[in-house]
Amino acid sequence: MAVIVQVDFPYAGPFDQRMTEQMSDLAASINDEPGMLWKVWTINEQTKEAGGVYLFDNQANAEAYLAMHSARLRQMGVEGITGKVFHINEALTAINQGPVNPA
């Protein structure tokens, strides 16, 4: 069963095209993570936060990624990381056209 991973952390920037340029290699590497189906990158320039919402094929892959990514962020000096794994109510999500069906 597919699961959602939500990660948020303090981020001072950049938030513009420079962010895209600086993070493109990281974004491409995330595609190689076991079980990762998609990611939506999140940013809030006003509150100086960034993160993402991910869809993984199963809980084990989601939890492994969350542990690895949290450790990577801490190695980069990021503190205040919030990471959560959520199960999906697929029936209600389908009503709202949520793209969570991995099939």
Protein backbone atom coordinates (compact mmCIF):
# COMPACT_ATOMS: atom_id res chain seq x y z
CA MET A 1 0.00 0.00 0.00
CA ALA A 2 1.35 3.43 -0.97
CA VAL A 3 2.15 5.91 1.79
CA ILE A 4 2.87 9.62 2.02
CA VAL A 5 5.99 11.09 3.59
CA GLN A 6 5.90 14.73 4.66
CA VAL A 7 9.14 16.53 5.52
CA ASP A 8 9.47 20.17 6.65
CA PHE A 9 12.49 22.07 7.91
CA PRO A 10 13.82 25.60 8.35
CA TYR A 11 15.31 26.93 5.10
CA ALA A 12 16.78 30.40 4.64
CA GLY A 13 16.93 30.20 0.86
CA PRO A 14 17.47 30.76 -1.92
CA PHE A 15 13.86 30.43 -3.07
CA ASP A 16 14.09 31.53 -6.68
CA GLN A 17 15.72 30.08 -9.78
CA ARG A 18 18.93 29.69 -7.76
CA MET A 19 17.18 27.06 -5.62
CA THR A 20 16.25 25.13 -8.75
CA GLU A 21 19.82 25.33 -10.02
CA GLN A 22 21.32 24.30 -6.67
CA MET A 23 18.88 21.43 -6.04
CA SER A 24 18.50 19.91 -9.52
CA ASP A 25 21.08 17.17 -8.95
CA LEU A 26 19.50 16.29 -5.60
CA ALA A 27 16.06 16.23 -7.21
CA ALA A 28 17.28 13.83 -9.90
CA SER A 29 18.91 11.55 -7.31
CA ILE A 30 15.66 11.26 -5.35
CA ASN A 31 14.16 9.47 -8.36
CA ASP A 32 16.59 6.61 -7.67
CA GLU A 33 15.41 6.05 -4.09
CA PRO A 34 13.78 2.64 -3.60
CA GLY A 35 10.02 2.86 -3.87
CA MET A 36 9.80 6.60 -4.51
CA LEU A 37 6.92 7.32 -6.90
CA TRP A 38 6.81 11.12 -6.86
CA LYS A 39 7.71 14.21 -4.86
CA VAL A 40 6.19 17.67 -4.59
CA TRP A 41 8.75 20.22 -3.41
CA THR A 42 7.35 22.70 -0.86
CA ILE A 43 8.65 26.15 0.02
CA ASN A 44 7.39 29.06 2.08
CA GLU A 45 9.59 32.09 1.69
CA GLN A 46 7.65 34.09 4.32
CA THR A 47 8.17 31.52 7.09
CA LYS A 48 11.60 30.41 5.79
CA GLU A 49 10.60 26.76 5.43
CA ALA A 50 11.05 24.09 2.79
CA GLY A 51 10.44 20.41 2.43
CA GLY A 52 8.37 18.02 0.41
CA VAL A 53 5.52 15.61 0.14
CA TYR A 54 6.46 12.22 -1.29
CA LEU A 55 4.59 9.13 -2.38
CA PHE A 56 6.32 5.80 -1.71
CA ASP A 57 5.19 2.34 -2.72
CA ASN A 58 5.21 0.99 0.84
CA GLN A 59 5.85 1.93 4.45
CA ALA A 60 9.24 0.23 4.71
CA ASN A 61 10.67 2.24 1.78
CA ALA A 62 9.08 5.43 3.13
CA GLU A 63 10.55 4.97 6.60
CA ALA A 64 13.98 4.10 5.18
CA TYR A 65 13.97 7.24 3.03
CA LEU A 66 12.80 9.43 5.90
CA ALA A 67 15.62 8.16 8.14
CA MET A 68 18.24 8.65 5.41
CA HIS A 69 16.97 12.08 4.38
CA SER A 70 16.72 13.33 7.97
CA ALA A 71 20.32 12.21 8.59
CA ARG A 72 21.45 13.92 5.36
CA LEU A 73 19.76 17.18 6.39
CA ARG A 74 21.34 17.02 9.86
CA GLN A 75 24.78 16.50 8.23
CA MET A 76 24.08 19.68 6.25
CA GLY A 77 23.49 21.51 9.53
CA VAL A 78 19.69 21.59 9.34
CA GLU A 79 17.91 21.42 12.69
CA GLY A 80 14.21 21.35 13.46
CA ILE A 81 13.34 18.68 10.89
CA THR A 82 9.78 17.37 11.00
CA GLY A 83 9.16 14.08 9.20
CA LYS A 84 5.98 12.03 9.18
CA VAL A 85 4.64 8.96 7.38
CA PHE A 86 0.92 8.83 6.61
CA HIS A 87 -1.36 6.10 5.32
CA ILE A 88 -3.77 7.17 2.60
CA ASN A 89 -7.55 6.93 2.57
CA GLU A 90 -7.64 5.93 -1.08
CA ALA A 91 -11.44 6.09 -1.48
CA LEU A 92 -11.69 9.69 -0.26
CA THR A 93 -8.53 10.68 -2.12
CA ALA A 94 -9.99 9.32 -5.37
CA ILE A 95 -13.03 11.61 -4.94
CA ASN A 96 -10.60 14.56 -4.99
CA GLN A 97 -8.48 13.22 -7.88
CA GLY A 98 -5.43 12.64 -5.67
CA PRO A 99 -2.60 11.04 -7.69
CA VAL A 100 -1.80 8.26 -5.24
CA ASN A 101 -2.61 5.05 -7.10
CA PRO A 102 0.81 3.51 -7.86
CA ALA A 103 -0.68 1.13 -10.44
